[in-house]
PDB file of N, CA and C in Angstrom:
ATOM      1  N   MET A   1      48.548  51.647  98.831  1.00  0.00           N
ATOM      2  CA  MET A   1      49.017  52.419  99.946  1.00  0.00           C
ATOM      3  C   MET A   1      50.501  52.230 100.152  1.00  0.00           C
ATOM      4  N   ASN A   2      50.997  51.083  99.794  1.00  0.00           N
ATOM      5  CA  ASN A   2      52.406  50.784  99.942  1.00  0.00           C
ATOM      6  C   ASN A   2      53.257  51.715  99.080  1.00  0.00           C
ATOM      7  N   ASP A   3      52.822  51.976  97.845  1.00  0.00           N
ATOM      8  CA  ASP A   3      53.563  52.879  96.962  1.00  0.00           C
ATOM      9  C   ASP A   3      53.519  54.314  97.476  1.00  0.00           C
ATOM     10  N   LEU A   4      52.377  54.711  98.024  1.00  0.00           N
ATOM     11  CA  LEU A   4      52.237  56.061  98.582  1.00  0.00           C
ATOM     12  C   LEU A   4      53.141  56.225  99.806  1.00  0.00           C
ATOM     13  N   THR A   5      53.236  55.211 100.642  1.00  0.00           N
ATOM     14  CA  THR A   5      54.101  55.250 101.818  1.00  0.00           C
ATOM     15  C   THR A   5      55.561  55.348 101.393  1.00  0.00           C
ATOM     16  N   GLN A   6      55.930  54.554 100.391  1.00  0.00           N
ATOM     17  CA  GLN A   6      57.304  54.579  99.888  1.00  0.00           C
ATOM     18  C   GLN A   6      57.617  55.953  99.311  1.00  0.00           C
ATOM     19  N   LEU A   7      56.685  56.538  98.597  1.00  0.00           N
ATOM     20  CA  LEU A   7      56.876  57.869  98.018  1.00  0.00           C
ATOM     21  C   LEU A   7      57.055  58.923  99.110  1.00  0.00           C
ATOM     22  N   LEU A   8      56.257  58.851 100.153  1.00  0.00           N
ATOM     23  CA  LEU A   8      56.376  59.790 101.275  1.00  0.00           C
ATOM     24  C   LEU A   8      57.722  59.634 102.005  1.00  0.00           C
ATOM     25  N   VAL A   9      58.165  58.415 102.181  1.00  0.00           N
ATOM     26  CA  VAL A   9      59.460  58.161 102.827  1.00  0.00           C
ATOM     27  C   VAL A   9      60.584  58.728 101.970  1.00  0.00           C
ATOM     28  N   ASN A  10      60.542  58.478 100.661  1.00  0.00           N
ATOM     29  CA  ASN A  10      61.574  58.997  99.760  1.00  0.00           C
ATOM     30  C   ASN A  10      61.562  60.524  99.725  1.00  0.00           C
ATOM     31  N   LEU A  11      60.368  61.106  99.727  1.00  0.00           N
ATOM     32  CA  LEU A  11      60.244  62.566  99.736  1.00  0.00           C
ATOM     33  C   LEU A  11      60.804  63.144 101.041  1.00  0.00           C
ATOM     34  N   THR A  12      60.523  62.497 102.146  1.00  0.00           N
ATOM     35  CA  THR A  12      61.045  62.949 103.443  1.00  0.00           C
ATOM     36  C   THR A  12      62.565  62.873 103.460  1.00  0.00           C
ATOM     37  N   ILE A  13      63.131  61.789 102.933  1.00  0.00           N
ATOM     38  CA  ILE A  13      64.597  61.636 102.867  1.00  0.00           C
ATOM     39  C   ILE A  13      65.198  62.711 101.976  1.00  0.00           C
ATOM     40  N   LEU A  14      64.538  62.997 100.845  1.00  0.00           N
ATOM     41  CA  LEU A  14      65.019  64.032  99.929  1.00  0.00           C
ATOM     42  C   LEU A  14      65.001  65.403 100.602  1.00  0.00           C
ATOM     43  N   ILE A  15      63.910  65.697 101.286  1.00  0.00           N
ATOM     44  CA  ILE A  15      63.816  66.996 101.975  1.00  0.00           C
ATOM     45  C   ILE A  15      64.882  67.096 103.063  1.00  0.00           C
ATOM     46  N   ALA A  16      65.091  66.033 103.834  1.00  0.00           N
ATOM     47  CA  ALA A  16      66.111  66.040 104.885  1.00  0.00           C
ATOM     48  C   ALA A  16      67.505  66.200 104.290  1.00  0.00           C
ATOM     49  N   THR A  17      67.762  65.558 103.154  1.00  0.00           N
ATOM     50  CA  THR A  17      69.065  65.664 102.496  1.00  0.00           C
ATOM     51  C   THR A  17      69.303  67.076 101.990  1.00  0.00           C
ATOM     52  N   VAL A  18      68.282  67.657 101.350  1.00  0.00           N
ATOM     53  CA  VAL A  18      68.414  69.032 100.851  1.00  0.00           C
ATOM     54  C   VAL A  18      68.607  69.989 102.019  1.00  0.00           C
ATOM     55  N   TRP A  19      67.845  69.814 103.085  1.00  0.00           N
ATOM     56  CA  TRP A  19      67.970  70.682 104.263  1.00  0.00           C
ATOM     57  C   TRP A  19      69.380  70.575 104.862  1.00  0.00           C
ATOM     58  N   GLY A  20      69.896  69.368 104.966  1.00  0.00           N
ATOM     59  CA  GLY A  20      71.260  69.173 105.484  1.00  0.00           C
ATOM     60  C   GLY A  20      72.301  69.824 104.586  1.00  0.00           C
ATOM     61  N   ALA A  21      72.116  69.709 103.273  1.00  0.00           N
ATOM     62  CA  ALA A  21      73.062  70.325 102.333  1.00  0.00           C
ATOM     63  C   ALA A  21      73.009  71.840 102.429  1.00  0.00           C
ATOM     64  N   VAL A  22      71.806  72.402 102.585  1.00  0.00           N
ATOM     65  CA  VAL A  22      71.665  73.855 102.719  1.00  0.00           C
ATOM     66  C   VAL A  22      72.351  74.330 104.008  1.00  0.00           C
ATOM     67  N   ARG A  23      72.135  73.618 105.108  1.00  0.00           N
ATOM     68  CA  ARG A  23      72.778  73.995 106.378  1.00  0.00           C
ATOM     69  C   ARG A  23      74.296  73.893 106.279  1.00  0.00           C
ATOM     70  N   ALA A  24      74.785  72.823 105.644  1.00  0.00           N
ATOM     71  CA  ALA A  24      76.229  72.671 105.481  1.00  0.00           C
ATOM     72  C   ALA A  24      76.790  73.810 104.630  1.00  0.00           C
ATOM     73  N   GLY A  25      76.074  74.169 103.571  1.00  0.00           N
ATOM     74  CA  GLY A  25      76.514  75.282 102.721  1.00  0.00           C
ATOM     75  C   GLY A  25      76.547  76.597 103.477  1.00  0.00           C
ATOM     76  N   LEU A  26      75.525  76.831 104.292  1.00  0.00           N
ATOM     77  CA  LEU A  26      75.499  78.063 105.095  1.00  0.00           C
ATOM     78  C   LEU A  26      76.633  78.090 106.116  1.00  0.00           C
ATOM     79  N   ASN A  27      76.954  76.947 106.718  1.00  0.00           N
ATOM     80  CA  ASN A  27      78.080  76.876 107.657  1.00  0.00           C
ATOM     81  C   ASN A  27      79.401  77.161 106.959  1.00  0.00           C
ATOM     82  N   ILE A  28      79.575  76.587 105.783  1.00  0.00           N
ATOM     83  CA  ILE A  28      80.801  76.829 105.016  1.00  0.00           C
ATOM     84  C   ILE A  28      80.906  78.306 104.652  1.00  0.00           C
ATOM     85  N   TYR A  29      79.798  78.912 104.252  1.00  0.00           N
ATOM     86  CA  TYR A  29      79.771  80.333 103.899  1.00  0.00           C
ATOM     87  C   TYR A  29      80.134  81.193 105.107  1.00  0.00           C
ATOM     88  N   LYS A  30      79.559  80.857 106.273  1.00  0.00           N
ATOM     89  CA  LYS A  30      79.846  81.612 107.500  1.00  0.00           C
ATOM     90  C   LYS A  30      81.328  81.495 107.869  1.00  0.00           C
ATOM     91  N   HIS A  31      81.866  80.280 107.823  1.00  0.00           N
ATOM     92  CA  HIS A  31      83.271  80.080 108.172  1.00  0.00           C
ATOM     93  C   HIS A  31      84.203  80.729 107.156  1.00  0.00           C
ATOM     94  N   PHE A  32      83.808  80.739 105.907  1.00  0.00           N
ATOM     95  CA  PHE A  32      84.617  81.408 104.886  1.00  0.00           C
ATOM     96  C   PHE A  32      84.746  82.893 105.200  1.00  0.00           C
ATOM     97  N   HIS A  33      83.644  83.527 105.582  1.00  0.00           N
ATOM     98  CA  HIS A  33      83.688  84.955 105.900  1.00  0.00           C
ATOM     99  C   HIS A  33      84.484  85.211 107.177  1.00  0.00           C
ATOM    100  N   LEU A  34      84.406  84.302 108.128  1.00  0.00           N
ATOM    101  CA  LEU A  34      85.216  84.454 109.339  1.00  0.00           C
ATOM    102  C   LEU A  34      86.703  84.338 109.003  1.00  0.00           C
ATOM    103  N   LEU A  35      87.044  83.372 108.161  1.00  0.00           N
ATOM    104  CA  LEU A  35      88.446  83.171 107.786  1.00  0.00           C
ATOM    105  C   LEU A  35      88.954  84.276 106.869  1.00  0.00           C
ATOM    106  N   LYS A  36      88.043  84.859 106.092  1.00  0.00           N
ATOM    107  CA  LYS A  36      88.442  85.919 105.166  1.00  0.00           C
ATOM    108  C   LYS A  36      88.972  87.126 105.934  1.00  0.00           C
ATOM    109  N   ASP A  37      88.377  87.443 107.080  1.00  0.00           N
ATOM    110  CA  ASP A  37      88.789  88.599 107.874  1.00  0.00           C
ATOM    111  C   ASP A  37      89.931  88.275 108.840  1.00  0.00           C
ATOM    112  N   LEU A  38      90.298  87.019 108.956  1.00  0.00           N
ATOM    113  CA  LEU A  38      91.313  86.600 109.918  1.00  0.00           C
ATOM    114  C   LEU A  38      92.674  87.259 109.697  1.00  0.00           C
ATOM    115  N   PRO A  39      93.203  87.377 108.461  1.00  0.00           N
ATOM    116  CA  PRO A  39      94.510  88.031 108.294  1.00  0.00           C
ATOM    117  C   PRO A  39      94.514  89.480 108.800  1.00  0.00           C
ATOM    118  N   ASP A  40      93.436  90.209 108.599  1.00  0.00           N
ATOM    119  CA  ASP A  40      93.372  91.581 109.103  1.00  0.00           C
ATOM    120  C   ASP A  40      93.385  91.605 110.624  1.00  0.00           C
ATOM    121  N   GLU A  41      92.650  90.672 111.245  1.00  0.00           N
ATOM    122  CA  GLU A  41      92.635  90.593 112.701  1.00  0.00           C
ATOM    123  C   GLU A  41      94.011  90.212 113.241  1.00  0.00           C
ATOM    124  N   ILE A  42      94.686  89.290 112.554  1.00  0.00           N
ATOM    125  CA  ILE A  42      96.029  88.883 112.977  1.00  0.00           C
ATOM    126  C   ILE A  42      96.983  90.063 112.872  1.00  0.00           C
ATOM    127  N   ASP A  43      96.910  90.821 111.774  1.00  0.00           N
ATOM    128  CA  ASP A  43      97.765  92.000 111.624  1.00  0.00           C
ATOM    129  C   ASP A  43      97.497  93.021 112.723  1.00  0.00           C
ATOM    130  N   ALA A  44      96.229  93.223 113.064  1.00  0.00           N
ATOM    131  CA  ALA A  44      95.890  94.168 114.135  1.00  0.00           C
ATOM    132  C   ALA A  44      96.436  93.677 115.469  1.00  0.00           C
ATOM    133  N   ASP A  45      96.297  92.379 115.734  1.00  0.00           N
ATOM    134  CA  ASP A  45      96.818  91.817 116.981  1.00  0.00           C
ATOM    135  C   ASP A  45      98.340  91.919 117.039  1.00  0.00           C
ATOM    136  N   LEU A  46      98.993  91.646 115.917  1.00  0.00           N
ATOM    137  CA  LEU A  46     100.454  91.751 115.886  1.00  0.00           C
ATOM    138  C   LEU A  46     100.908  93.193 116.102  1.00  0.00           C
ATOM    139  N   GLY A  47     100.167  94.144 115.552  1.00  0.00           N
ATOM    140  CA  GLY A  47     100.489  95.549 115.773  1.00  0.00           C
ATOM    141  C   GLY A  47     100.367  95.918 117.239  1.00  0.00           C
ATOM    142  N   GLU A  48      99.331  95.427 117.892  1.00  0.00           N
ATOM    143  CA  GLU A  48      99.143  95.699 119.323  1.00  0.00           C
ATOM    144  C   GLU A  48     100.246  95.043 120.152  1.00  0.00           C
ATOM    145  N   ILE A  49     100.604  93.813 119.804  1.00  0.00           N
ATOM    146  CA  ILE A  49     101.691  93.125 120.505  1.00  0.00           C
ATOM    147  C   ILE A  49     102.998  93.889 120.328  1.00  0.00           C
ATOM    148  N   HIS A  50     103.258  94.366 119.122  1.00  0.00           N
ATOM    149  CA  HIS A  50     104.473  95.136 118.853  1.00  0.00           C
ATOM    150  C   HIS A  50     104.491  96.421 119.676  1.00  0.00           C
ATOM    151  N   ARG A  51     103.346  97.091 119.765  1.00  0.00           N
ATOM    152  CA  ARG A  51     103.257  98.321 120.556  1.00  0.00           C
ATOM    153  C   ARG A  51     103.521  98.038 122.035  1.00  0.00           C
ATOM    154  N   GLN A  52     102.938  96.949 122.545  1.00  0.00           N
ATOM    155  CA  GLN A  52     103.137  96.599 123.944  1.00  0.00           C
ATOM    156  C   GLN A  52     104.577  96.206 124.229  1.00  0.00           C
ATOM    157  N   LEU A  53     105.200  95.471 123.300  1.00  0.00           N
ATOM    158  CA  LEU A  53     106.610  95.104 123.486  1.00  0.00           C
ATOM    159  C   LEU A  53     107.504  96.342 123.495  1.00  0.00           C
ATOM    160  N   ASN A  54     107.225  97.298 122.615  1.00  0.00           N
ATOM    161  CA  ASN A  54     108.005  98.539 122.621  1.00  0.00           C
ATOM    162  C   ASN A  54     107.841  99.277 123.939  1.00  0.00           C
ATOM    163  N   ALA A  55     106.632  99.272 124.497  1.00  0.00           N
ATOM    164  CA  ALA A  55     106.410  99.918 125.790  1.00  0.00           C
ATOM    165  C   ALA A  55     107.199  99.211 126.890  1.00  0.00           C
ATOM    166  N   VAL A  56     107.213  97.880 126.857  1.00  0.00           N
ATOM    167  CA  VAL A  56     107.968  97.118 127.860  1.00  0.00           C
ATOM    168  C   VAL A  56     109.462  97.401 127.723  1.00  0.00           C
ATOM    169  N   TRP A  57     109.974  97.419 126.486  1.00  0.00           N
ATOM    170  CA  TRP A  57     111.397  97.710 126.283  1.00  0.00           C
ATOM    171  C   TRP A  57     111.738  99.111 126.774  1.00  0.00           C
ATOM    172  N   GLY A  58     110.827 100.059 126.548  1.00  0.00           N
ATOM    173  CA  GLY A  58     111.055 101.413 127.046  1.00  0.00           C
ATOM    174  C   GLY A  58     111.142 101.445 128.562  1.00  0.00           C
ATOM    175  N   LYS A  59     110.252 100.706 129.220  1.00  0.00           N
ATOM    176  CA  LYS A  59     110.284 100.647 130.687  1.00  0.00           C
ATOM    177  C   LYS A  59     111.554  99.962 131.181  1.00  0.00           C
ATOM    178  N   LEU A  60     111.981  98.904 130.489  1.00  0.00           N
ATOM    179  CA  LEU A  60     113.222  98.223 130.886  1.00  0.00           C
ATOM    180  C   LEU A  60     114.431  99.135 130.692  1.00  0.00           C
ATOM    181  N   ASP A  61     114.453  99.917 129.616  1.00  0.00           N
ATOM    182  CA  ASP A  61     115.539 100.871 129.405  1.00  0.00           C
ATOM    183  C   ASP A  61     115.571 101.900 130.519  1.00  0.00           C
ATOM    184  N   HIS A  62     114.399 102.395 130.898  1.00  0.00           N
ATOM    185  CA  HIS A  62     114.319 103.377 131.987  1.00  0.00           C
ATOM    186  C   HIS A  62     114.795 102.749 133.298  1.00  0.00           C
ATOM    187  N   LEU A  63     114.396 101.506 133.550  1.00  0.00           N
ATOM    188  CA  LEU A  63     114.822 100.799 134.759  1.00  0.00           C
ATOM    189  C   LEU A  63     116.342 100.600 134.758  1.00  0.00           C
ATOM    190  N   THR A  64     116.893 100.301 133.595  1.00  0.00           N
ATOM    191  CA  THR A  64     118.344 100.128 133.483  1.00  0.00           C
ATOM    192  C   THR A  64     119.062 101.438 133.805  1.00  0.00           C
ATOM    193  N   GLU A  65     118.529 102.536 133.293  1.00  0.00           N
ATOM    194  CA  GLU A  65     119.131 103.839 133.580  1.00  0.00           C
ATOM    195  C   GLU A  65     119.077 104.139 135.075  1.00  0.00           C
ATOM    196  N   LEU A  66     117.936 103.866 135.701  1.00  0.00           N
ATOM    197  CA  LEU A  66     117.822 104.095 137.143  1.00  0.00           C
ATOM    198  C   LEU A  66     118.790 103.211 137.918  1.00  0.00           C
ATOM    199  N   THR A  67     118.894 101.947 137.514  1.00  0.00           N
ATOM    200  CA  THR A  67     119.798 101.016 138.190  1.00  0.00           C
ATOM    201  C   THR A  67     121.241 101.471 138.020  1.00  0.00           C
ATOM    202  N   ASP A  68     121.617 101.898 136.813  1.00  0.00           N
ATOM    203  CA  ASP A  68     122.976 102.390 136.592  1.00  0.00           C
ATOM    204  C   ASP A  68     123.264 103.601 137.466  1.00  0.00           C
ATOM    205  N   ALA A  69     122.312 104.516 137.575  1.00  0.00           N
ATOM    206  CA  ALA A  69     122.503 105.710 138.401  1.00  0.00           C
ATOM    207  C   ALA A  69     122.652 105.313 139.867  1.00  0.00           C
ATOM    208  N   ARG A  70     121.847 104.383 140.321  1.00  0.00           N
ATOM    209  CA  ARG A  70     121.943 103.933 141.723  1.00  0.00           C
ATOM    210  C   ARG A  70     123.269 103.239 141.980  1.00  0.00           C
ATOM    211  N   LEU A  71     123.702 102.409 141.040  1.00  0.00           N
ATOM    212  CA  LEU A  71     124.996 101.733 141.212  1.00  0.00           C
ATOM    213  C   LEU A  71     126.145 102.740 141.235  1.00  0.00           C
ATOM    214  N   ASP A  72     126.085 103.759 140.380  1.00  0.00           N
ATOM    215  CA  ASP A  72     127.119 104.797 140.394  1.00  0.00           C
ATOM    216  C   ASP A  72     127.133 105.522 141.734  1.00  0.00           C
ATOM    217  N   ARG A  73     125.946 105.853 142.253  1.00  0.00           N
ATOM    218  CA  ARG A  73     125.864 106.533 143.549  1.00  0.00           C
ATOM    219  C   ARG A  73     126.411 105.647 144.659  1.00  0.00           C
ATOM    220  N   MET A  74     126.078 104.351 144.636  1.00  0.00           N
ATOM    221  CA  MET A  74     126.586 103.426 145.648  1.00  0.00           C
ATOM    222  C   MET A  74     128.101 103.293 145.551  1.00  0.00           C
ATOM    223  N   GLU A  75     128.624 103.271 144.322  1.00  0.00           N
ATOM    224  CA  GLU A  75     130.078 103.179 144.141  1.00  0.00           C
ATOM    225  C   GLU A  75     130.766 104.404 144.735  1.00  0.00           C
ATOM    226  N   ARG A  76     130.197 105.594 144.485  1.00  0.00           N
ATOM    227  CA  ARG A  76     130.778 106.812 145.064  1.00  0.00           C
ATOM    228  C   ARG A  76     130.730 106.769 146.588  1.00  0.00           C
ATOM    229  N   GLN A  77     129.605 106.295 147.137  1.00  0.00           N
ATOM    230  CA  GLN A  77     129.482 106.210 148.587  1.00  0.00           C
ATOM    231  C   GLN A  77     130.475 105.209 149.174  1.00  0.00           C
ATOM    232  N   LEU A  78     130.651 104.061 148.496  1.00  0.00           N
ATOM    233  CA  LEU A  78     131.613 103.066 148.972  1.00  0.00           C
ATOM    234  C   LEU A  78     133.047 103.587 148.878  1.00  0.00           C
ATOM    235  N   ASN A  79     133.336 104.327 147.798  1.00  0.00           N
ATOM    236  CA  ASN A  79     134.681 104.909 147.683  1.00  0.00           C
ATOM    237  C   ASN A  79     134.922 105.930 148.791  1.00  0.00           C
ATOM    238  N   TYR A  80     133.909 106.740 149.082  1.00  0.00           N
ATOM    239  CA  TYR A  80     134.027 107.718 150.164  1.00  0.00           C
ATOM    240  C   TYR A  80     134.235 106.996 151.498  1.00  0.00           C
ATOM    241  N   LEU A  81     133.458 105.927 151.741  1.00  0.00           N
ATOM    242  CA  LEU A  81     133.590 105.166 152.970  1.00  0.00           C
ATOM    243  C   LEU A  81     134.960 104.510 153.072  1.00  0.00           C
ATOM    244  N   ALA A  82     135.442 103.950 151.963  1.00  0.00           N
ATOM    245  CA  ALA A  82     136.765 103.321 151.960  1.00  0.00           C
ATOM    246  C   ALA A  82     137.846 104.365 152.252  1.00  0.00           C
ATOM    247  N   GLY A  83     137.686 105.562 151.677  1.00  0.00           N
ATOM    248  CA  GLY A  83     138.656 106.627 151.948  1.00  0.00           C
ATOM    249  C   GLY A  83     138.618 107.046 153.398  1.00  0.00           C
ATOM    250  N   THR A  84     137.418 107.163 153.966  1.00  0.00           N
ATOM    251  CA  THR A  84     137.279 107.534 155.382  1.00  0.00           C
ATOM    252  C   THR A  84     137.890 106.472 156.281  1.00  0.00           C
ATOM    253  N   ILE A  85     137.655 105.211 155.982  1.00  0.00           N
ATOM    254  CA  ILE A  85     138.233 104.119 156.774  1.00  0.00           C
ATOM    255  C   ILE A  85     139.749 104.143 156.676  1.00  0.00           C
ATOM    256  N   ARG A  86     140.271 104.370 155.460  1.00  0.00           N
ATOM    257  CA  ARG A  86     141.731 104.421 155.277  1.00  0.00           C
ATOM    258  C   ARG A  86     142.327 105.549 156.116  1.00  0.00           C
ATOM    259  N   ILE A  87     141.698 106.724 156.083  1.00  0.00           N
ATOM    260  CA  ILE A  87     142.201 107.875 156.861  1.00  0.00           C
ATOM    261  C   ILE A  87     142.139 107.560 158.348  1.00  0.00           C
ATOM    262  N   ASN A  88     141.024 106.964 158.788  1.00  0.00           N
ATOM    263  CA  ASN A  88     140.905 106.625 160.211  1.00  0.00           C
ATOM    264  C   ASN A  88     141.940 105.595 160.627  1.00  0.00           C
ATOM    265  N   LEU A  89     142.206 104.608 159.778  1.00  0.00           N
ATOM    266  CA  LEU A  89     143.226 103.605 160.090  1.00  0.00           C
ATOM    267  C   LEU A  89     144.614 104.249 160.163  1.00  0.00           C
ATOM    268  N   GLU A  90     144.889 105.143 159.235  1.00  0.00           N
ATOM    269  CA  GLU A  90     146.179 105.825 159.253  1.00  0.00           C
ATOM    270  C   GLU A  90     146.304 106.685 160.506  1.00  0.00           C
ATOM    271  N   ASN A  91     145.213 107.321 160.910  1.00  0.00           N
ATOM    272  CA  ASN A  91     145.240 108.121 162.135  1.00  0.00           C
ATOM    273  C   ASN A  91     145.468 107.240 163.352  1.00  0.00           C
ATOM    274  N   LEU A  92     144.880 106.056 163.376  1.00  0.00           N
ATOM    275  CA  LEU A  92     145.067 105.136 164.478  1.00  0.00           C
ATOM    276  C   LEU A  92     146.500 104.637 164.536  1.00  0.00           C
ATOM    277  N   GLU A  93     147.107 104.494 163.365  1.00  0.00           N
ATOM    278  CA  GLU A  93     148.500 104.029 163.310  1.00  0.00           C
ATOM    279  C   GLU A  93     149.473 105.172 163.583  1.00  0.00           C
ATOM    280  N   GLY A  94     148.977 106.374 163.650  1.00  0.00           N
ATOM    281  CA  GLY A  94     149.837 107.509 163.966  1.00  0.00           C
ATOM    282  C   GLY A  94     150.316 108.289 162.767  1.00  0.00           C
ATOM    283  N   ARG A  95     149.894 107.933 161.603  1.00  0.00           N
ATOM    284  CA  ARG A  95     150.278 108.686 160.409  1.00  0.00           C
ATOM    285  C   ARG A  95     149.203 109.726 160.140  1.00  0.00           C
ATOM    286  N   HIS A  96     149.630 110.948 159.889  1.00  0.00           N
ATOM    287  CA  HIS A  96     148.686 112.019 159.617  1.00  0.00           C
ATOM    288  C   HIS A  96     148.966 112.584 158.242  1.00  0.00           C
ATOM    289  N   ASP A  97     147.902 113.016 157.552  1.00  0.00           N
ATOM    290  CA  ASP A  97     148.074 113.633 156.233  1.00  0.00           C
ATOM    291  C   ASP A  97     148.493 115.061 156.371  1.00  0.00           C
TER     292      ASP A  97
END
């Protein structure tokens, strides 16, 4: 009975070892396929990031144009105000155009 018990223990260890090797092989196979598609996914993600960055730059350019237009309008208004103040000061001092 001792030899039969030893044989059963060795057989159980062999089956467990083979099962572990099969599972490890399947995991490696699964990860290989995941990694195989990774460069395509990275390229797709980079393309999306590039598209989003271009959209942001477009919005910033538009914002810059709006800001420039507002600053130009404010400059014209300040120049008009400065001219009006100058004329009023000259009128107060008695000088007329």
